[in-house]
Amino acid sequence: MVTVTFVTANEERVTAQAPAGDNLLRLGQAAGMPLEGTCEGQMACSTCHVIVAREWFEKLPRATEDEEDLLDLAAGVRPTSRLSCQIELTAALDGLEVRIPGDSHDMRRR
């Protein structure tokens, strides 16, 4: 199992686990995080934007040009921003910490 800590806009820390091979978007949604994932993980939107803790960012594979283009559309982008649908959980990411941007809204929760 891969353990991930999500830090909400209110500084609440939520720890969740998923098997290696799953992706961060699905884990975040299962943990109740406001990651809409409008495109259902097909990398066609930016509603699953997260900010990866700096110490973990370099451990991720580089973002593709398509992902970087979509991040340009997201609010609150930081240098360590990524789309959670593009982060595959691996044993090397056990302990990963990501922040949910303060302007995240999950329209599924209305």
PDB file of N, CA and C in Angstrom:
ATOM      1  N   MET A   1       0.834  -1.187   0.000  1.00  0.00           N
ATOM      2  CA  MET A   1       0.000   0.000   0.000  1.00  0.00           C
ATOM      3  C   MET A   1       0.879   1.251   0.000  1.00  0.00           C
ATOM      4  N   VAL A   2       0.370   2.278  -0.662  1.00  0.00           N
ATOM      5  CA  VAL A   2       1.064   3.559  -0.731  1.00  0.00           C
ATOM      6  C   VAL A   2       0.279   4.544   0.123  1.00  0.00           C
ATOM      7  N   THR A   3       0.950   5.193   1.051  1.00  0.00           N
ATOM      8  CA  THR A   3       0.317   6.162   1.935  1.00  0.00           C
ATOM      9  C   THR A   3       0.561   7.565   1.406  1.00  0.00           C
ATOM     10  N   VAL A   4      -0.516   8.365   1.354  1.00  0.00           N
ATOM     11  CA  VAL A   4      -0.443   9.749   0.885  1.00  0.00           C
ATOM     12  C   VAL A   4      -1.124  10.627   1.921  1.00  0.00           C
ATOM     13  N   THR A   5      -0.523  11.785   2.188  1.00  0.00           N
ATOM     14  CA  THR A   5      -1.149  12.774   3.054  1.00  0.00           C
ATOM     15  C   THR A   5      -1.612  13.941   2.202  1.00  0.00           C
ATOM     16  N   PHE A   6      -2.893  14.260   2.305  1.00  0.00           N
ATOM     17  CA  PHE A   6      -3.481  15.413   1.644  1.00  0.00           C
ATOM     18  C   PHE A   6      -3.588  16.527   2.678  1.00  0.00           C
ATOM     19  N   VAL A   7      -3.192  17.737   2.300  1.00  0.00           N
ATOM     20  CA  VAL A   7      -3.326  18.899   3.174  1.00  0.00           C
ATOM     21  C   VAL A   7      -4.380  19.793   2.539  1.00  0.00           C
ATOM     22  N   THR A   8      -5.467  20.023   3.260  1.00  0.00           N
ATOM     23  CA  THR A   8      -6.573  20.811   2.721  1.00  0.00           C
ATOM     24  C   THR A   8      -6.281  22.310   2.848  1.00  0.00           C
ATOM     25  N   ALA A   9      -7.133  23.110   2.239  1.00  0.00           N
ATOM     26  CA  ALA A   9      -6.996  24.562   2.315  1.00  0.00           C
ATOM     27  C   ALA A   9      -7.116  25.053   3.757  1.00  0.00           C
ATOM     28  N   ASN A  10      -7.772  24.272   4.622  1.00  0.00           N
ATOM     29  CA  ASN A  10      -7.923  24.619   6.043  1.00  0.00           C
ATOM     30  C   ASN A  10      -6.807  24.022   6.899  1.00  0.00           C
ATOM     31  N   GLU A  11      -5.753  23.511   6.244  1.00  0.00           N
ATOM     32  CA  GLU A  11      -4.597  22.903   6.919  1.00  0.00           C
ATOM     33  C   GLU A  11      -4.928  21.590   7.614  1.00  0.00           C
ATOM     34  N   GLU A  12      -6.059  20.993   7.286  1.00  0.00           N
ATOM     35  CA  GLU A  12      -6.384  19.672   7.811  1.00  0.00           C
ATOM     36  C   GLU A  12      -5.535  18.649   7.066  1.00  0.00           C
ATOM     37  N   ARG A  13      -4.989  17.692   7.771  1.00  0.00           N
ATOM     38  CA  ARG A  13      -4.169  16.640   7.174  1.00  0.00           C
ATOM     39  C   ARG A  13      -5.000  15.354   7.133  1.00  0.00           C
ATOM     40  N   VAL A  14      -5.160  14.816   5.938  1.00  0.00           N
ATOM     41  CA  VAL A  14      -5.931  13.593   5.739  1.00  0.00           C
ATOM     42  C   VAL A  14      -5.001  12.559   5.118  1.00  0.00           C
ATOM     43  N   THR A  15      -4.829  11.448   5.795  1.00  0.00           N
ATOM     44  CA  THR A  15      -3.961  10.388   5.297  1.00  0.00           C
ATOM     45  C   THR A  15      -4.822   9.283   4.713  1.00  0.00           C
ATOM     46  N   ALA A  16      -4.409   8.792   3.544  1.00  0.00           N
ATOM     47  CA  ALA A  16      -5.161   7.743   2.861  1.00  0.00           C
ATOM     48  C   ALA A  16      -4.170   6.763   2.234  1.00  0.00           C
ATOM     49  N   GLN A  17      -4.650   5.583   1.930  1.00  0.00           N
ATOM     50  CA  GLN A  17      -3.815   4.545   1.319  1.00  0.00           C
ATOM     51  C   GLN A  17      -4.505   3.945   0.114  1.00  0.00           C
ATOM     52  N   ALA A  18      -3.680   3.547  -0.849  1.00  0.00           N
ATOM     53  CA  ALA A  18      -4.159   2.849  -2.042  1.00  0.00           C
ATOM     54  C   ALA A  18      -3.067   1.898  -2.496  1.00  0.00           C
ATOM     55  N   PRO A  19      -3.441   0.886  -3.247  1.00  0.00           N
ATOM     56  CA  PRO A  19      -2.413  -0.025  -3.766  1.00  0.00           C
ATOM     57  C   PRO A  19      -1.570   0.668  -4.833  1.00  0.00           C
ATOM     58  N   ALA A  20      -0.327   0.244  -4.938  1.00  0.00           N
ATOM     59  CA  ALA A  20       0.528   0.732  -6.024  1.00  0.00           C
ATOM     60  C   ALA A  20      -0.177   0.442  -7.340  1.00  0.00           C
ATOM     61  N   GLY A  21      -0.068   1.368  -8.277  1.00  0.00           N
ATOM     62  CA  GLY A  21      -0.721   1.221  -9.570  1.00  0.00           C
ATOM     63  C   GLY A  21      -1.978   2.057  -9.685  1.00  0.00           C
ATOM     64  N   ASP A  22      -2.559   2.430  -8.547  1.00  0.00           N
ATOM     65  CA  ASP A  22      -3.717   3.322  -8.571  1.00  0.00           C
ATOM     66  C   ASP A  22      -3.205   4.726  -8.870  1.00  0.00           C
ATOM     67  N   ASN A  23      -4.121   5.685  -9.057  1.00  0.00           N
ATOM     68  CA  ASN A  23      -3.618   7.040  -9.264  1.00  0.00           C
ATOM     69  C   ASN A  23      -4.102   7.966  -8.159  1.00  0.00           C
ATOM     70  N   LEU A  24      -3.435   9.102  -8.054  1.00  0.00           N
ATOM     71  CA  LEU A  24      -3.686  10.034  -6.966  1.00  0.00           C
ATOM     72  C   LEU A  24      -5.093  10.627  -7.016  1.00  0.00           C
ATOM     73  N   LEU A  25      -5.644  10.840  -8.193  1.00  0.00           N
ATOM     74  CA  LEU A  25      -7.000  11.372  -8.310  1.00  0.00           C
ATOM     75  C   LEU A  25      -8.004  10.435  -7.638  1.00  0.00           C
ATOM     76  N   ARG A  26      -7.964   9.163  -7.976  1.00  0.00           N
ATOM     77  CA  ARG A  26      -8.920   8.209  -7.397  1.00  0.00           C
ATOM     78  C   ARG A  26      -8.759   8.114  -5.879  1.00  0.00           C
ATOM     79  N   LEU A  27      -7.525   8.111  -5.406  1.00  0.00           N
ATOM     80  CA  LEU A  27      -7.289   8.046  -3.968  1.00  0.00           C
ATOM     81  C   LEU A  27      -7.845   9.296  -3.291  1.00  0.00           C
ATOM     82  N   GLY A  28      -7.574  10.461  -3.863  1.00  0.00           N
ATOM     83  CA  GLY A  28      -8.071  11.697  -3.281  1.00  0.00           C
ATOM     84  C   GLY A  28      -9.585  11.742  -3.225  1.00  0.00           C
ATOM     85  N   GLN A  29     -10.232  11.321  -4.282  1.00  0.00           N
ATOM     86  CA  GLN A  29     -11.697  11.290  -4.295  1.00  0.00           C
ATOM     87  C   GLN A  29     -12.226  10.327  -3.235  1.00  0.00           C
ATOM     88  N   ALA A  30     -11.607   9.160  -3.123  1.00  0.00           N
ATOM     89  CA  ALA A  30     -12.040   8.175  -2.126  1.00  0.00           C
ATOM     90  C   ALA A  30     -11.843   8.701  -0.705  1.00  0.00           C
ATOM     91  N   ALA A  31     -10.857   9.586  -0.524  1.00  0.00           N
ATOM     92  CA  ALA A  31     -10.575  10.161   0.790  1.00  0.00           C
ATOM     93  C   ALA A  31     -11.417  11.405   1.069  1.00  0.00           C
ATOM     94  N   GLY A  32     -12.289  11.769   0.125  1.00  0.00           N
ATOM     95  CA  GLY A  32     -13.173  12.910   0.329  1.00  0.00           C
ATOM     96  C   GLY A  32     -12.592  14.254  -0.037  1.00  0.00           C
ATOM     97  N   MET A  33     -11.493  14.254  -0.768  1.00  0.00           N
ATOM     98  CA  MET A  33     -10.881  15.521  -1.175  1.00  0.00           C
ATOM     99  C   MET A  33     -11.682  16.153  -2.325  1.00  0.00           C
ATOM    100  N   PRO A  34     -11.699  17.491  -2.411  1.00  0.00           N
ATOM    101  CA  PRO A  34     -12.462  18.175  -3.460  1.00  0.00           C
ATOM    102  C   PRO A  34     -11.718  18.184  -4.802  1.00  0.00           C
ATOM    103  N   LEU A  35     -11.471  17.003  -5.319  1.00  0.00           N
ATOM    104  CA  LEU A  35     -10.822  16.848  -6.621  1.00  0.00           C
ATOM    105  C   LEU A  35     -11.890  16.365  -7.594  1.00  0.00           C
ATOM    106  N   GLU A  36     -12.404  17.284  -8.379  1.00  0.00           N
ATOM    107  CA  GLU A  36     -13.552  16.963  -9.223  1.00  0.00           C
ATOM    108  C   GLU A  36     -13.226  15.929 -10.292  1.00  0.00           C
ATOM    109  N   GLY A  37     -12.133  16.121 -11.007  1.00  0.00           N
ATOM    110  CA  GLY A  37     -11.799  15.169 -12.068  1.00  0.00           C
ATOM    111  C   GLY A  37     -12.875  15.106 -13.132  1.00  0.00           C
ATOM    112  N   THR A  38     -13.312  16.256 -13.608  1.00  0.00           N
ATOM    113  CA  THR A  38     -14.411  16.350 -14.569  1.00  0.00           C
ATOM    114  C   THR A  38     -14.232  15.410 -15.755  1.00  0.00           C
ATOM    115  N   CYS A  39     -13.009  15.266 -16.226  1.00  0.00           N
ATOM    116  CA  CYS A  39     -12.750  14.435 -17.414  1.00  0.00           C
ATOM    117  C   CYS A  39     -12.528  12.969 -17.054  1.00  0.00           C
ATOM    118  N   GLU A  40     -12.733  12.639 -15.775  1.00  0.00           N
ATOM    119  CA  GLU A  40     -12.573  11.264 -15.283  1.00  0.00           C
ATOM    120  C   GLU A  40     -11.160  10.725 -15.499  1.00  0.00           C
ATOM    121  N   GLY A  41     -10.187  11.605 -15.343  1.00  0.00           N
ATOM    122  CA  GLY A  41      -8.790  11.181 -15.420  1.00  0.00           C
ATOM    123  C   GLY A  41      -8.237  11.041 -16.820  1.00  0.00           C
ATOM    124  N   GLN A  42      -8.895  11.622 -17.797  1.00  0.00           N
ATOM    125  CA  GLN A  42      -8.447  11.508 -19.189  1.00  0.00           C
ATOM    126  C   GLN A  42      -7.521  12.643 -19.612  1.00  0.00           C
ATOM    127  N   MET A  43      -7.099  13.473 -18.646  1.00  0.00           N
ATOM    128  CA  MET A  43      -6.219  14.615 -18.874  1.00  0.00           C
ATOM    129  C   MET A  43      -6.793  15.553 -19.939  1.00  0.00           C
ATOM    130  N   ALA A  44      -8.045  15.945 -19.718  1.00  0.00           N
ATOM    131  CA  ALA A  44      -8.700  16.885 -20.615  1.00  0.00           C
ATOM    132  C   ALA A  44      -9.213  18.110 -19.860  1.00  0.00           C
ATOM    133  N   CYS A  45      -8.857  18.219 -18.574  1.00  0.00           N
ATOM    134  CA  CYS A  45      -9.272  19.378 -17.784  1.00  0.00           C
ATOM    135  C   CYS A  45      -8.193  19.608 -16.719  1.00  0.00           C
ATOM    136  N   SER A  46      -8.442  20.542 -15.823  1.00  0.00           N
ATOM    137  CA  SER A  46      -7.475  20.784 -14.747  1.00  0.00           C
ATOM    138  C   SER A  46      -8.151  20.757 -13.377  1.00  0.00           C
ATOM    139  N   THR A  47      -9.275  20.073 -13.264  1.00  0.00           N
ATOM    140  CA  THR A  47     -10.044  20.065 -12.019  1.00  0.00           C
ATOM    141  C   THR A  47      -9.505  19.089 -10.975  1.00  0.00           C
ATOM    142  N   CYS A  48      -8.375  18.472 -11.244  1.00  0.00           N
ATOM    143  CA  CYS A  48      -7.743  17.587 -10.262  1.00  0.00           C
ATOM    144  C   CYS A  48      -6.367  18.112  -9.873  1.00  0.00           C
ATOM    145  N   HIS A  49      -6.173  19.406 -10.045  1.00  0.00           N
ATOM    146  CA  HIS A  49      -4.907  20.067  -9.742  1.00  0.00           C
ATOM    147  C   HIS A  49      -4.555  19.929  -8.261  1.00  0.00           C
ATOM    148  N   VAL A  50      -3.315  19.531  -7.988  1.00  0.00           N
ATOM    149  CA  VAL A  50      -2.777  19.494  -6.627  1.00  0.00           C
ATOM    150  C   VAL A  50      -1.396  20.146  -6.637  1.00  0.00           C
ATOM    151  N   ILE A  51      -0.953  20.519  -5.459  1.00  0.00           N
ATOM    152  CA  ILE A  51       0.390  21.075  -5.303  1.00  0.00           C
ATOM    153  C   ILE A  51       1.201  20.059  -4.515  1.00  0.00           C
ATOM    154  N   VAL A  52       2.219  19.533  -5.148  1.00  0.00           N
ATOM    155  CA  VAL A  52       3.047  18.479  -4.555  1.00  0.00           C
ATOM    156  C   VAL A  52       4.092  19.126  -3.641  1.00  0.00           C
ATOM    157  N   ALA A  53       4.281  18.556  -2.466  1.00  0.00           N
ATOM    158  CA  ALA A  53       5.319  19.047  -1.555  1.00  0.00           C
ATOM    159  C   ALA A  53       6.665  19.020  -2.290  1.00  0.00           C
ATOM    160  N   ARG A  54       7.422  20.088  -2.115  1.00  0.00           N
ATOM    161  CA  ARG A  54       8.680  20.248  -2.858  1.00  0.00           C
ATOM    162  C   ARG A  54       9.588  19.027  -2.750  1.00  0.00           C
ATOM    163  N   GLU A  55       9.690  18.434  -1.563  1.00  0.00           N
ATOM    164  CA  GLU A  55      10.599  17.299  -1.391  1.00  0.00           C
ATOM    165  C   GLU A  55      10.147  16.056  -2.163  1.00  0.00           C
ATOM    166  N   TRP A  56       8.894  16.024  -2.595  1.00  0.00           N
ATOM    167  CA  TRP A  56       8.382  14.897  -3.373  1.00  0.00           C
ATOM    168  C   TRP A  56       8.329  15.193  -4.865  1.00  0.00           C
ATOM    169  N   PHE A  57       8.317  16.442  -5.218  1.00  0.00           N
ATOM    170  CA  PHE A  57       8.119  16.827  -6.619  1.00  0.00           C
ATOM    171  C   PHE A  57       9.158  16.210  -7.547  1.00  0.00           C
ATOM    172  N   GLU A  58      10.411  16.223  -7.153  1.00  0.00           N
ATOM    173  CA  GLU A  58      11.484  15.691  -8.003  1.00  0.00           C
ATOM    174  C   GLU A  58      11.437  14.172  -8.141  1.00  0.00           C
ATOM    175  N   LYS A  59      10.678  13.503  -7.295  1.00  0.00           N
ATOM    176  CA  LYS A  59      10.565  12.043  -7.368  1.00  0.00           C
ATOM    177  C   LYS A  59       9.524  11.602  -8.393  1.00  0.00           C
ATOM    178  N   LEU A  60       8.752  12.563  -8.890  1.00  0.00           N
ATOM    179  CA  LEU A  60       7.718  12.247  -9.890  1.00  0.00           C
ATOM    180  C   LEU A  60       8.307  12.276 -11.292  1.00  0.00           C
ATOM    181  N   PRO A  61       7.751  11.487 -12.193  1.00  0.00           N
ATOM    182  CA  PRO A  61       8.140  11.629 -13.607  1.00  0.00           C
ATOM    183  C   PRO A  61       7.771  13.042 -14.061  1.00  0.00           C
ATOM    184  N   ARG A  62       8.508  13.564 -15.007  1.00  0.00           N
ATOM    185  CA  ARG A  62       8.226  14.910 -15.531  1.00  0.00           C
ATOM    186  C   ARG A  62       6.817  14.975 -16.114  1.00  0.00           C
ATOM    187  N   ALA A  63       6.214  16.127 -15.968  1.00  0.00           N
ATOM    188  CA  ALA A  63       4.903  16.361 -16.587  1.00  0.00           C
ATOM    189  C   ALA A  63       5.087  16.437 -18.100  1.00  0.00           C
ATOM    190  N   THR A  64       4.111  15.920 -18.817  1.00  0.00           N
ATOM    191  CA  THR A  64       4.150  16.029 -20.280  1.00  0.00           C
ATOM    192  C   THR A  64       3.792  17.461 -20.675  1.00  0.00           C
ATOM    193  N   GLU A  65       4.046  17.796 -21.910  1.00  0.00           N
ATOM    194  CA  GLU A  65       3.691  19.121 -22.410  1.00  0.00           C
ATOM    195  C   GLU A  65       2.178  19.324 -22.338  1.00  0.00           C
ATOM    196  N   ASP A  66       1.404  18.280 -22.618  1.00  0.00           N
ATOM    197  CA  ASP A  66      -0.062  18.381 -22.532  1.00  0.00           C
ATOM    198  C   ASP A  66      -0.509  18.686 -21.095  1.00  0.00           C
ATOM    199  N   GLU A  67       0.109  18.027 -20.126  1.00  0.00           N
ATOM    200  CA  GLU A  67      -0.246  18.302 -18.733  1.00  0.00           C
ATOM    201  C   GLU A  67       0.118  19.734 -18.362  1.00  0.00           C
ATOM    202  N   GLU A  68       1.288  20.185 -18.765  1.00  0.00           N
ATOM    203  CA  GLU A  68       1.693  21.558 -18.473  1.00  0.00           C
ATOM    204  C   GLU A  68       0.734  22.563 -19.103  1.00  0.00           C
ATOM    205  N   ASP A  69       0.255  22.277 -20.317  1.00  0.00           N
ATOM    206  CA  ASP A  69      -0.715  23.168 -20.967  1.00  0.00           C
ATOM    207  C   ASP A  69      -2.010  23.249 -20.164  1.00  0.00           C
ATOM    208  N   LEU A  70      -2.469  22.120 -19.631  1.00  0.00           N
ATOM    209  CA  LEU A  70      -3.687  22.123 -18.821  1.00  0.00           C
ATOM    210  C   LEU A  70      -3.474  22.836 -17.490  1.00  0.00           C
ATOM    211  N   LEU A  71      -2.299  22.695 -16.916  1.00  0.00           N
ATOM    212  CA  LEU A  71      -2.012  23.398 -15.669  1.00  0.00           C
ATOM    213  C   LEU A  71      -2.047  24.908 -15.864  1.00  0.00           C
ATOM    214  N   ASP A  72      -1.751  25.367 -17.071  1.00  0.00           N
ATOM    215  CA  ASP A  72      -1.842  26.802 -17.360  1.00  0.00           C
ATOM    216  C   ASP A  72      -3.259  27.321 -17.169  1.00  0.00           C
ATOM    217  N   LEU A  73      -4.251  26.441 -17.214  1.00  0.00           N
ATOM    218  CA  LEU A  73      -5.660  26.821 -17.068  1.00  0.00           C
ATOM    219  C   LEU A  73      -6.150  26.742 -15.622  1.00  0.00           C
ATOM    220  N   ALA A  74      -5.364  26.140 -14.755  1.00  0.00           N
ATOM    221  CA  ALA A  74      -5.781  25.944 -13.365  1.00  0.00           C
ATOM    222  C   ALA A  74      -5.507  27.192 -12.532  1.00  0.00           C
ATOM    223  N   ALA A  75      -6.368  27.410 -11.542  1.00  0.00           N
ATOM    224  CA  ALA A  75      -6.171  28.539 -10.630  1.00  0.00           C
ATOM    225  C   ALA A  75      -5.188  28.148  -9.534  1.00  0.00           C
ATOM    226  N   GLY A  76      -4.396  29.099  -9.091  1.00  0.00           N
ATOM    227  CA  GLY A  76      -3.497  28.866  -7.968  1.00  0.00           C
ATOM    228  C   GLY A  76      -2.324  27.965  -8.265  1.00  0.00           C
ATOM    229  N   VAL A  77      -1.883  27.922  -9.508  1.00  0.00           N
ATOM    230  CA  VAL A  77      -0.772  27.040  -9.895  1.00  0.00           C
ATOM    231  C   VAL A  77       0.520  27.506  -9.232  1.00  0.00           C
ATOM    232  N   ARG A  78       1.301  26.543  -8.793  1.00  0.00           N
ATOM    233  CA  ARG A  78       2.601  26.787  -8.172  1.00  0.00           C
ATOM    234  C   ARG A  78       3.663  26.018  -8.966  1.00  0.00           C
ATOM    235  N   PRO A  79       4.924  26.272  -8.705  1.00  0.00           N
ATOM    236  CA  PRO A  79       5.978  25.542  -9.428  1.00  0.00           C
ATOM    237  C   PRO A  79       5.916  24.023  -9.270  1.00  0.00           C
ATOM    238  N   THR A  80       5.309  23.543  -8.186  1.00  0.00           N
ATOM    239  CA  THR A  80       5.229  22.088  -7.981  1.00  0.00           C
ATOM    240  C   THR A  80       3.816  21.550  -8.232  1.00  0.00           C
ATOM    241  N   SER A  81       3.033  22.259  -9.019  1.00  0.00           N
ATOM    242  CA  SER A  81       1.676  21.812  -9.350  1.00  0.00           C
ATOM    243  C   SER A  81       1.705  20.654 -10.333  1.00  0.00           C
ATOM    244  N   ARG A  82       0.747  19.752 -10.145  1.00  0.00           N
ATOM    245  CA  ARG A  82       0.556  18.632 -11.064  1.00  0.00           C
ATOM    246  C   ARG A  82      -0.929  18.305 -11.123  1.00  0.00           C
ATOM    247  N   LEU A  83      -1.307  17.544 -12.138  1.00  0.00           N
ATOM    248  CA  LEU A  83      -2.661  16.997 -12.222  1.00  0.00           C
ATOM    249  C   LEU A  83      -2.633  15.647 -11.515  1.00  0.00           C
ATOM    250  N   SER A  84      -3.508  15.470 -10.542  1.00  0.00           N
ATOM    251  CA  SER A  84      -3.459  14.234  -9.749  1.00  0.00           C
ATOM    252  C   SER A  84      -3.768  12.996 -10.577  1.00  0.00           C
ATOM    253  N   CYS A  85      -4.512  13.167 -11.677  1.00  0.00           N
ATOM    254  CA  CYS A  85      -4.812  12.003 -12.528  1.00  0.00           C
ATOM    255  C   CYS A  85      -3.579  11.469 -13.230  1.00  0.00           C
ATOM    256  N   GLN A  86      -2.514  12.263 -13.253  1.00  0.00           N
ATOM    257  CA  GLN A  86      -1.295  11.857 -13.948  1.00  0.00           C
ATOM    258  C   GLN A  86      -0.222  11.322 -13.008  1.00  0.00           C
ATOM    259  N   ILE A  87      -0.550  11.199 -11.742  1.00  0.00           N
ATOM    260  CA  ILE A  87       0.411  10.682 -10.771  1.00  0.00           C
ATOM    261  C   ILE A  87       0.028   9.249 -10.404  1.00  0.00           C
ATOM    262  N   GLU A  88       0.791   8.315 -10.928  1.00  0.00           N
ATOM    263  CA  GLU A  88       0.583   6.907 -10.596  1.00  0.00           C
ATOM    264  C   GLU A  88       1.291   6.620  -9.282  1.00  0.00           C
ATOM    265  N   LEU A  89       0.584   6.002  -8.370  1.00  0.00           N
ATOM    266  CA  LEU A  89       1.154   5.684  -7.069  1.00  0.00           C
ATOM    267  C   LEU A  89       2.073   4.477  -7.183  1.00  0.00           C
ATOM    268  N   THR A  90       3.282   4.655  -6.699  1.00  0.00           N
ATOM    269  CA  THR A  90       4.285   3.586  -6.692  1.00  0.00           C
ATOM    270  C   THR A  90       4.877   3.489  -5.292  1.00  0.00           C
ATOM    271  N   ALA A  91       5.578   2.403  -5.030  1.00  0.00           N
ATOM    272  CA  ALA A  91       6.216   2.227  -3.727  1.00  0.00           C
ATOM    273  C   ALA A  91       7.171   3.384  -3.425  1.00  0.00           C
ATOM    274  N   ALA A  92       7.808   3.939  -4.446  1.00  0.00           N
ATOM    275  CA  ALA A  92       8.737   5.059  -4.256  1.00  0.00           C
ATOM    276  C   ALA A  92       8.026   6.323  -3.770  1.00  0.00           C
ATOM    277  N   LEU A  93       6.690   6.376  -3.922  1.00  0.00           N
ATOM    278  CA  LEU A  93       5.926   7.548  -3.496  1.00  0.00           C
ATOM    279  C   LEU A  93       5.241   7.348  -2.145  1.00  0.00           C
ATOM    280  N   ASP A  94       5.567   6.251  -1.461  1.00  0.00           N
ATOM    281  CA  ASP A  94       4.978   6.010  -0.142  1.00  0.00           C
ATOM    282  C   ASP A  94       5.377   7.148   0.792  1.00  0.00           C
ATOM    283  N   GLY A  95       4.377   7.857   1.339  1.00  0.00           N
ATOM    284  CA  GLY A  95       4.626   9.009   2.197  1.00  0.00           C
ATOM    285  C   GLY A  95       4.401  10.340   1.491  1.00  0.00           C
ATOM    286  N   LEU A  96       4.037  10.297   0.225  1.00  0.00           N
ATOM    287  CA  LEU A  96       3.794  11.501  -0.578  1.00  0.00           C
ATOM    288  C   LEU A  96       2.871  12.471   0.150  1.00  0.00           C
ATOM    289  N   GLU A  97       3.173  13.773   0.018  1.00  0.00           N
ATOM    290  CA  GLU A  97       2.309  14.807   0.592  1.00  0.00           C
ATOM    291  C   GLU A  97       1.934  15.788  -0.505  1.00  0.00           C
ATOM    292  N   VAL A  98       0.640  16.059  -0.613  1.00  0.00           N
ATOM    293  CA  VAL A  98       0.142  17.023  -1.597  1.00  0.00           C
ATOM    294  C   VAL A  98      -0.844  17.960  -0.925  1.00  0.00           C
ATOM    295  N   ARG A  99      -0.902  19.172  -1.451  1.00  0.00           N
ATOM    296  CA  ARG A  99      -1.816  20.192  -0.938  1.00  0.00           C
ATOM    297  C   ARG A  99      -2.951  20.388  -1.937  1.00  0.00           C
ATOM    298  N   ILE A 100      -4.152  20.517  -1.413  1.00  0.00           N
ATOM    299  CA  ILE A 100      -5.316  20.820  -2.234  1.00  0.00           C
ATOM    300  C   ILE A 100      -5.399  22.341  -2.333  1.00  0.00           C
ATOM    301  N   PRO A 101      -5.387  22.910  -3.543  1.00  0.00           N
ATOM    302  CA  PRO A 101      -5.448  24.372  -3.666  1.00  0.00           C
ATOM    303  C   PRO A 101      -6.703  24.941  -3.002  1.00  0.00           C
ATOM    304  N   GLY A 102      -6.566  26.123  -2.444  1.00  0.00           N
ATOM    305  CA  GLY A 102      -7.667  26.751  -1.734  1.00  0.00           C
ATOM    306  C   GLY A 102      -8.877  27.050  -2.585  1.00  0.00           C
ATOM    307  N   ASP A 103      -8.697  27.134  -3.885  1.00  0.00           N
ATOM    308  CA  ASP A 103      -9.821  27.459  -4.763  1.00  0.00           C
ATOM    309  C   ASP A 103     -10.409  26.226  -5.428  1.00  0.00           C
ATOM    310  N   SER A 104     -10.135  25.052  -4.885  1.00  0.00           N
ATOM    311  CA  SER A 104     -10.707  23.814  -5.451  1.00  0.00           C
ATOM    312  C   SER A 104     -12.180  23.725  -5.098  1.00  0.00           C
ATOM    313  N   HIS A 105     -12.971  23.351  -6.084  1.00  0.00           N
ATOM    314  CA  HIS A 105     -14.401  23.148  -5.894  1.00  0.00           C
ATOM    315  C   HIS A 105     -14.789  21.863  -6.584  1.00  0.00           C
ATOM    316  N   ASP A 106     -15.518  21.039  -5.890  1.00  0.00           N
ATOM    317  CA  ASP A 106     -15.965  19.774  -6.475  1.00  0.00           C
ATOM    318  C   ASP A 106     -17.467  19.895  -6.753  1.00  0.00           C
ATOM    319  N   MET A 107     -17.834  20.087  -8.007  1.00  0.00           N
ATOM    320  CA  MET A 107     -19.225  20.288  -8.377  1.00  0.00           C
ATOM    321  C   MET A 107     -20.082  19.046  -8.106  1.00  0.00           C
ATOM    322  N   ARG A 108     -19.444  17.889  -7.886  1.00  0.00           N
ATOM    323  CA  ARG A 108     -20.187  16.680  -7.556  1.00  0.00           C
ATOM    324  C   ARG A 108     -20.834  16.792  -6.173  1.00  0.00           C
ATOM    325  N   ARG A 109     -20.385  17.732  -5.361  1.00  0.00           N
ATOM    326  CA  ARG A 109     -20.847  17.847  -3.978  1.00  0.00           C
ATOM    327  C   ARG A 109     -21.949  18.887  -3.798  1.00  0.00           C
ATOM    328  N   ARG A 110     -22.545  19.353  -4.836  1.00  0.00           N
ATOM    329  CA  ARG A 110     -23.598  20.375  -4.714  1.00  0.00           C
ATOM    330  C   ARG A 110     -24.912  19.765  -4.404  1.00  0.00           C
TER     331      ARG A 110
END
